[in-house]
Each structure stands twice: as C-alpha cells, then as structure tokens.
C-alpha cells in the first residue's frame, strides 16, 4: 500500500496517532485518591507523585472523584464554606438590601439617604421562593381542555345556522352525544 504524498517530494504523510497513555499501577492510583480525599490539588498531587496533572485528572475521572462526579458540587461548596446556613444568611442580607441615594444641588453633594433596594430584594425573594418550590413547574402544561360543540348545519328548515330560538335549541339537544376526548383516543 502506497501512502499519499504531497507532490514531487519524497515526504510520507503519516496518519495522526494519539499519544500513548501510561498505565498507572493500582497502588499509585490509591495514593492519588488518598491525596485527593485529603484535599490536595491536582497540581500538588502530580508534583508529589512525579506525574502529569493530566494523568492525575484521568485517575480521578476513572474513579469518579473529579469535578464531574455526582455529589461533588455539594461537597465543593461545603469545602468552600458555602453551607446551607451560609447561603441562607447571605439570602437574608439580600432581602434586606439598601442603596445610597445622593442628593446634589448646584453640582455639589448636599445629602445622602439609605433607601430600600427593591430590585435586589425582589431578585433575592424570587430566587428563594423558587428554591422553596413556591412556583409551579415551568415545564408543566395545562391538562384541562374545553370542547365547544357548534352546529355546522341548519337544524330546522327556514332558520339560520346561528339561530337560538326554542325550536332550534330543542333540535340541538336532540342530536346524539359526541364521544368525549380522552387520553386514549387523542
């Protein structure tokens, strides 16, 4: 088989070969995981164990211990000190937000007042209410339907389609019932 060339030169074009990923012994993987659980960064683990940061990241990914692992967001928030109590305290501060209004007269500041920052308070209230489940789900669609039965023909000879006299009313009520729409026949 002859490989393609770029014209008259004798260069051979080789297909791209991904780099070979070194196999890591289980004992080294265990040390990486232990260091990670101790709270060390990937850079520090790589330096301590003499390997690349990419290899450390791959080991953690295989063990589902990296930033993509389930539950790690909550753990990362907790390690950063963002516990539920801290977030609620911050939300309480947001619900009490104020802003400073400055008063000027003839180009000089004459007075300042602290007033409620209603825009910020509303945003915090909206987010807190959403987290508490006070709003209906946005992906929920209405379930009820309204079916209106209108005549499409003259029911009584000599009357119009939209006539509502007693004779047409009785003729309308004498028509057979139409089947109701259910989830089975939709």
C-alpha atoms as a PDB file:
ATOM      1  CA  UNK A   1       0.000   0.000   0.000  1.00  0.00           C
ATOM      2  CA  UNK A   2       1.374   3.354  -1.011  1.00  0.00           C
ATOM      3  CA  UNK A   3       0.762   6.345   1.266  1.00  0.00           C
ATOM      4  CA  UNK A   4      -0.352   9.638  -0.304  1.00  0.00           C
ATOM      5  CA  UNK A   5       2.357  12.203  -0.979  1.00  0.00           C
ATOM      6  CA  UNK A   6       2.363  15.963  -1.413  1.00  0.00           C
ATOM      7  CA  UNK A   7       3.643  16.132  -4.971  1.00  0.00           C
ATOM      8  CA  UNK A   8       7.126  15.539  -6.284  1.00  0.00           C
ATOM      9  CA  UNK A   9       8.869  15.469  -2.882  1.00  0.00           C
ATOM     10  CA  UNK A  10       9.509  12.147  -1.177  1.00  0.00           C
ATOM     11  CA  UNK A  11       7.732  13.083   2.094  1.00  0.00           C
ATOM     12  CA  UNK A  12       5.404  10.469   3.511  1.00  0.00           C
ATOM     13  CA  UNK A  13       2.252  11.637   5.279  1.00  0.00           C
ATOM     14  CA  UNK A  14       1.543   9.533   8.341  1.00  0.00           C
ATOM     15  CA  UNK A  15      -1.887   9.350   9.974  1.00  0.00           C
ATOM     16  CA  UNK A  16      -2.331  11.073  13.357  1.00  0.00           C
ATOM     17  CA  UNK A  17      -1.621   8.689  16.219  1.00  0.00           C
ATOM     18  CA  UNK A  18      -2.896   9.679  19.677  1.00  0.00           C
ATOM     19  CA  UNK A  19      -0.263   9.699  22.422  1.00  0.00           C
ATOM     20  CA  UNK A  20       0.149   6.542  24.433  1.00  0.00           C
ATOM     21  CA  UNK A  21      -1.404   6.896  27.858  1.00  0.00           C
ATOM     22  CA  UNK A  22       0.767   5.293  30.530  1.00  0.00           C
ATOM     23  CA  UNK A  23      -0.785   2.591  32.656  1.00  0.00           C
ATOM     24  CA  UNK A  24      -0.800   3.513  36.310  1.00  0.00           C
ATOM     25  CA  UNK A  25      -0.370   0.781  38.926  1.00  0.00           C
ATOM     26  CA  UNK A  26      -3.272   0.359  41.390  1.00  0.00           C
ATOM     27  CA  UNK A  27      -1.045   1.354  44.336  1.00  0.00           C
ATOM     28  CA  UNK A  28      -0.264   4.723  42.698  1.00  0.00           C
ATOM     29  CA  UNK A  29      -3.958   5.235  41.887  1.00  0.00           C
ATOM     30  CA  UNK A  30      -4.755   4.593  45.543  1.00  0.00           C
ATOM     31  CA  UNK A  31      -2.190   7.233  46.613  1.00  0.00           C
ATOM     32  CA  UNK A  32      -3.705   9.751  44.147  1.00  0.00           C
ATOM     33  CA  UNK A  33      -7.180   9.101  45.537  1.00  0.00           C
ATOM     34  CA  UNK A  34      -5.951   9.372  49.131  1.00  0.00           C
ATOM     35  CA  UNK A  35      -4.248  12.703  48.417  1.00  0.00           C
ATOM     36  CA  UNK A  36      -7.375  13.974  46.642  1.00  0.00           C
ATOM     37  CA  UNK A  37      -9.591  12.986  49.573  1.00  0.00           C
ATOM     38  CA  UNK A  38      -7.146  14.779  51.875  1.00  0.00           C
ATOM     39  CA  UNK A  39      -7.949  17.968  49.959  1.00  0.00           C
ATOM     40  CA  UNK A  40      -4.785  18.370  47.929  1.00  0.00           C
ATOM     41  CA  UNK A  41      -4.950  19.995  44.483  1.00  0.00           C
ATOM     42  CA  UNK A  42      -4.256  18.059  41.290  1.00  0.00           C
ATOM     43  CA  UNK A  43      -1.089  20.119  40.765  1.00  0.00           C
ATOM     44  CA  UNK A  44       0.262  19.255  44.233  1.00  0.00           C
ATOM     45  CA  UNK A  45      -0.614  15.560  43.801  1.00  0.00           C
ATOM     46  CA  UNK A  46       1.150  15.471  40.428  1.00  0.00           C
ATOM     47  CA  UNK A  47       4.262  17.155  41.845  1.00  0.00           C
ATOM     48  CA  UNK A  48       4.359  14.898  44.916  1.00  0.00           C
ATOM     49  CA  UNK A  49       3.958  11.667  42.932  1.00  0.00           C
ATOM     50  CA  UNK A  50       6.039  12.735  39.925  1.00  0.00           C
ATOM     51  CA  UNK A  51       3.359  12.533  37.239  1.00  0.00           C
ATOM     52  CA  UNK A  52       1.497  14.936  34.980  1.00  0.00           C
ATOM     53  CA  UNK A  53      -1.656  16.811  36.013  1.00  0.00           C
ATOM     54  CA  UNK A  54      -3.456  15.137  33.092  1.00  0.00           C
ATOM     55  CA  UNK A  55      -2.676  11.692  34.496  1.00  0.00           C
ATOM     56  CA  UNK A  56      -3.953  12.740  37.918  1.00  0.00           C
ATOM     57  CA  UNK A  57      -7.135  14.126  36.322  1.00  0.00           C
ATOM     58  CA  UNK A  58      -7.613  10.883  34.349  1.00  0.00           C
ATOM     59  CA  UNK A  59      -7.217   8.759  37.502  1.00  0.00           C
ATOM     60  CA  UNK A  60      -9.776  10.891  39.353  1.00  0.00           C
ATOM     61  CA  UNK A  61     -12.135  10.734  36.376  1.00  0.00           C
ATOM     62  CA  UNK A  62     -11.879   6.952  36.231  1.00  0.00           C
ATOM     63  CA  UNK A  63     -12.622   6.818  39.959  1.00  0.00           C
ATOM     64  CA  UNK A  64     -15.438   9.355  39.507  1.00  0.00           C
ATOM     65  CA  UNK A  65     -13.775  11.637  42.013  1.00  0.00           C
ATOM     66  CA  UNK A  66     -13.194  14.728  39.867  1.00  0.00           C
ATOM     67  CA  UNK A  67     -15.364  17.814  39.490  1.00  0.00           C
ATOM     68  CA  UNK A  68     -17.791  15.865  37.276  1.00  0.00           C
ATOM     69  CA  UNK A  69     -18.574  13.234  39.937  1.00  0.00           C
ATOM     70  CA  UNK A  70     -22.055  13.024  41.376  1.00  0.00           C
ATOM     71  CA  UNK A  71     -22.435  14.949  44.605  1.00  0.00           C
ATOM     72  CA  UNK A  72     -19.118  16.736  44.220  1.00  0.00           C
ATOM     73  CA  UNK A  73     -20.775  20.137  43.719  1.00  0.00           C
ATOM     74  CA  UNK A  74     -22.294  19.983  47.186  1.00  0.00           C
ATOM     75  CA  UNK A  75     -19.000  18.788  48.632  1.00  0.00           C
ATOM     76  CA  UNK A  76     -17.060  21.539  46.844  1.00  0.00           C
ATOM     77  CA  UNK A  77     -19.486  24.180  48.100  1.00  0.00           C
ATOM     78  CA  UNK A  78     -19.154  22.835  51.622  1.00  0.00           C
ATOM     79  CA  UNK A  79     -15.336  22.832  51.415  1.00  0.00           C
ATOM     80  CA  UNK A  80     -15.502  26.476  50.297  1.00  0.00           C
ATOM     81  CA  UNK A  81     -17.630  27.315  53.337  1.00  0.00           C
ATOM     82  CA  UNK A  82     -20.843  27.744  51.367  1.00  0.00           C
ATOM     83  CA  UNK A  83     -23.067  25.637  53.566  1.00  0.00           C
ATOM     84  CA  UNK A  84     -26.849  25.907  53.568  1.00  0.00           C
ATOM     85  CA  UNK A  85     -26.695  28.137  56.643  1.00  0.00           C
ATOM     86  CA  UNK A  86     -24.157  30.460  54.978  1.00  0.00           C
ATOM     87  CA  UNK A  87     -26.259  30.683  51.809  1.00  0.00           C
ATOM     88  CA  UNK A  88     -29.399  31.424  53.831  1.00  0.00           C
ATOM     89  CA  UNK A  89     -27.584  34.128  55.789  1.00  0.00           C
ATOM     90  CA  UNK A  90     -26.485  35.689  52.502  1.00  0.00           C
ATOM     91  CA  UNK A  91     -30.053  35.481  51.169  1.00  0.00           C
ATOM     92  CA  UNK A  92     -31.294  37.220  54.328  1.00  0.00           C
ATOM     93  CA  UNK A  93     -28.818  40.039  53.694  1.00  0.00           C
ATOM     94  CA  UNK A  94     -30.065  40.271  50.107  1.00  0.00           C
ATOM     95  CA  UNK A  95     -33.663  40.515  51.293  1.00  0.00           C
ATOM     96  CA  UNK A  96     -32.640  43.493  53.447  1.00  0.00           C
ATOM     97  CA  UNK A  97     -30.584  45.228  50.686  1.00  0.00           C
ATOM     98  CA  UNK A  98     -30.379  49.015  50.660  1.00  0.00           C
ATOM     99  CA  UNK A  99     -28.869  51.552  48.317  1.00  0.00           C
ATOM    100  CA  UNK A 100     -27.483  55.012  48.889  1.00  0.00           C
ATOM    101  CA  UNK A 101     -29.190  57.884  47.079  1.00  0.00           C
ATOM    102  CA  UNK A 102     -27.093  61.025  46.748  1.00  0.00           C
ATOM    103  CA  UNK A 103     -28.666  64.462  46.517  1.00  0.00           C
ATOM    104  CA  UNK A 104     -26.901  67.198  44.574  1.00  0.00           C
ATOM    105  CA  UNK A 105     -27.592  70.881  44.448  1.00  0.00           C
ATOM    106  CA  UNK A 106     -25.730  73.234  42.121  1.00  0.00           C
ATOM    107  CA  UNK A 107     -23.234  70.480  41.296  1.00  0.00           C
ATOM    108  CA  UNK A 108     -22.359  69.680  44.919  1.00  0.00           C
ATOM    109  CA  UNK A 109     -23.404  66.726  47.041  1.00  0.00           C
ATOM    110  CA  UNK A 110     -25.691  68.012  49.748  1.00  0.00           C
ATOM    111  CA  UNK A 111     -27.249  64.914  51.279  1.00  0.00           C
ATOM    112  CA  UNK A 112     -27.420  61.144  51.133  1.00  0.00           C
ATOM    113  CA  UNK A 113     -30.133  58.678  52.150  1.00  0.00           C
ATOM    114  CA  UNK A 114     -30.241  54.939  52.590  1.00  0.00           C
ATOM    115  CA  UNK A 115     -33.347  53.519  50.884  1.00  0.00           C
ATOM    116  CA  UNK A 116     -34.570  50.005  50.215  1.00  0.00           C
ATOM    117  CA  UNK A 117     -33.121  48.458  47.050  1.00  0.00           C
ATOM    118  CA  UNK A 118     -36.350  46.893  45.849  1.00  0.00           C
ATOM    119  CA  UNK A 119     -34.863  45.464  42.644  1.00  0.00           C
ATOM    120  CA  UNK A 120     -32.232  43.488  44.541  1.00  0.00           C
ATOM    121  CA  UNK A 121     -34.715  42.446  47.225  1.00  0.00           C
ATOM    122  CA  UNK A 122     -37.126  41.172  44.583  1.00  0.00           C
ATOM    123  CA  UNK A 123     -34.393  39.134  42.873  1.00  0.00           C
ATOM    124  CA  UNK A 124     -33.409  37.510  46.173  1.00  0.00           C
ATOM    125  CA  UNK A 125     -37.061  36.870  47.047  1.00  0.00           C
ATOM    126  CA  UNK A 126     -37.716  35.344  43.615  1.00  0.00           C
ATOM    127  CA  UNK A 127     -34.708  33.016  43.847  1.00  0.00           C
ATOM    128  CA  UNK A 128     -35.528  31.966  47.432  1.00  0.00           C
ATOM    129  CA  UNK A 129     -39.167  31.317  46.524  1.00  0.00           C
ATOM    130  CA  UNK A 130     -38.089  29.277  43.503  1.00  0.00           C
ATOM    131  CA  UNK A 131     -35.750  27.148  45.636  1.00  0.00           C
ATOM    132  CA  UNK A 132     -38.535  26.652  48.190  1.00  0.00           C
ATOM    133  CA  UNK A 133     -40.837  25.351  45.435  1.00  0.00           C
ATOM    134  CA  UNK A 134     -43.372  28.189  45.678  1.00  0.00           C
ATOM    135  CA  UNK A 135     -43.741  28.443  41.888  1.00  0.00           C
ATOM    136  CA  UNK A 136     -45.327  25.788  39.668  1.00  0.00           C
ATOM    137  CA  UNK A 137     -43.005  23.844  37.436  1.00  0.00           C
ATOM    138  CA  UNK A 138     -42.283  25.718  34.215  1.00  0.00           C
ATOM    139  CA  UNK A 139     -42.405  22.592  32.067  1.00  0.00           C
ATOM    140  CA  UNK A 140     -45.907  21.636  33.276  1.00  0.00           C
ATOM    141  CA  UNK A 141     -48.587  22.113  30.628  1.00  0.00           C
ATOM    142  CA  UNK A 142     -52.291  22.692  31.313  1.00  0.00           C
ATOM    143  CA  UNK A 143     -54.237  19.461  31.473  1.00  0.00           C
ATOM    144  CA  UNK A 144     -57.821  20.632  31.065  1.00  0.00           C
ATOM    145  CA  UNK A 145     -59.458  21.149  27.689  1.00  0.00           C
ATOM    146  CA  UNK A 146     -62.574  22.976  26.606  1.00  0.00           C
ATOM    147  CA  UNK A 147     -64.780  21.396  23.962  1.00  0.00           C
ATOM    148  CA  UNK A 148     -67.437  23.598  22.394  1.00  0.00           C
ATOM    149  CA  UNK A 149     -69.989  21.924  20.137  1.00  0.00           C
ATOM    150  CA  UNK A 150     -71.324  24.297  17.481  1.00  0.00           C
ATOM    151  CA  UNK A 151     -73.845  23.430  14.754  1.00  0.00           C
ATOM    152  CA  UNK A 152     -72.423  23.398  11.236  1.00  0.00           C
ATOM    153  CA  UNK A 153     -75.774  22.959   9.505  1.00  0.00           C
ATOM    154  CA  UNK A 154     -79.303  24.317   9.638  1.00  0.00           C
ATOM    155  CA  UNK A 155     -81.113  22.201  12.227  1.00  0.00           C
ATOM    156  CA  UNK A 156     -84.617  23.487  11.493  1.00  0.00           C
ATOM    157  CA  UNK A 157     -85.630  24.338   7.900  1.00  0.00           C
ATOM    158  CA  UNK A 158     -86.038  28.075   7.395  1.00  0.00           C
ATOM    159  CA  UNK A 159     -83.712  29.042  10.291  1.00  0.00           C
ATOM    160  CA  UNK A 160     -80.071  30.188  10.093  1.00  0.00           C
ATOM    161  CA  UNK A 161     -77.072  28.238  11.443  1.00  0.00           C
ATOM    162  CA  UNK A 162     -76.707  30.632  14.382  1.00  0.00           C
ATOM    163  CA  UNK A 163     -80.393  30.739  15.358  1.00  0.00           C
ATOM    164  CA  UNK A 164     -81.025  30.301  19.103  1.00  0.00           C
ATOM    165  CA  UNK A 165     -84.812  30.109  19.175  1.00  0.00           C
ATOM    166  CA  UNK A 166     -86.529  27.464  21.301  1.00  0.00           C
ATOM    167  CA  UNK A 167     -87.196  25.182  18.311  1.00  0.00           C
ATOM    168  CA  UNK A 168     -83.508  25.218  17.223  1.00  0.00           C
ATOM    169  CA  UNK A 169     -82.433  24.760  20.847  1.00  0.00           C
ATOM    170  CA  UNK A 170     -84.551  21.605  21.189  1.00  0.00           C
ATOM    171  CA  UNK A 171     -83.264  20.301  17.839  1.00  0.00           C
ATOM    172  CA  UNK A 172     -79.691  20.874  19.038  1.00  0.00           C
ATOM    173  CA  UNK A 173     -80.284  18.997  22.305  1.00  0.00           C
ATOM    174  CA  UNK A 174     -81.880  16.122  20.395  1.00  0.00           C
ATOM    175  CA  UNK A 175     -78.651  15.448  18.486  1.00  0.00           C
ATOM    176  CA  UNK A 176     -76.735  12.336  19.637  1.00  0.00           C
ATOM    177  CA  UNK A 177     -73.857  12.877  22.102  1.00  0.00           C
ATOM    178  CA  UNK A 178     -70.386  13.010  20.627  1.00  0.00           C
ATOM    179  CA  UNK A 179     -67.728  10.893  22.330  1.00  0.00           C
ATOM    180  CA  UNK A 180     -65.643  12.906  24.764  1.00  0.00           C
ATOM    181  CA  UNK A 181     -61.929  13.331  24.193  1.00  0.00           C
ATOM    182  CA  UNK A 182     -59.805  11.194  26.485  1.00  0.00           C
ATOM    183  CA  UNK A 183     -56.119  10.474  26.588  1.00  0.00           C
ATOM    184  CA  UNK A 184     -56.763   7.093  24.947  1.00  0.00           C
ATOM    185  CA  UNK A 185     -58.356   8.436  21.750  1.00  0.00           C
ATOM    186  CA  UNK A 186     -56.257  11.604  21.318  1.00  0.00           C
END
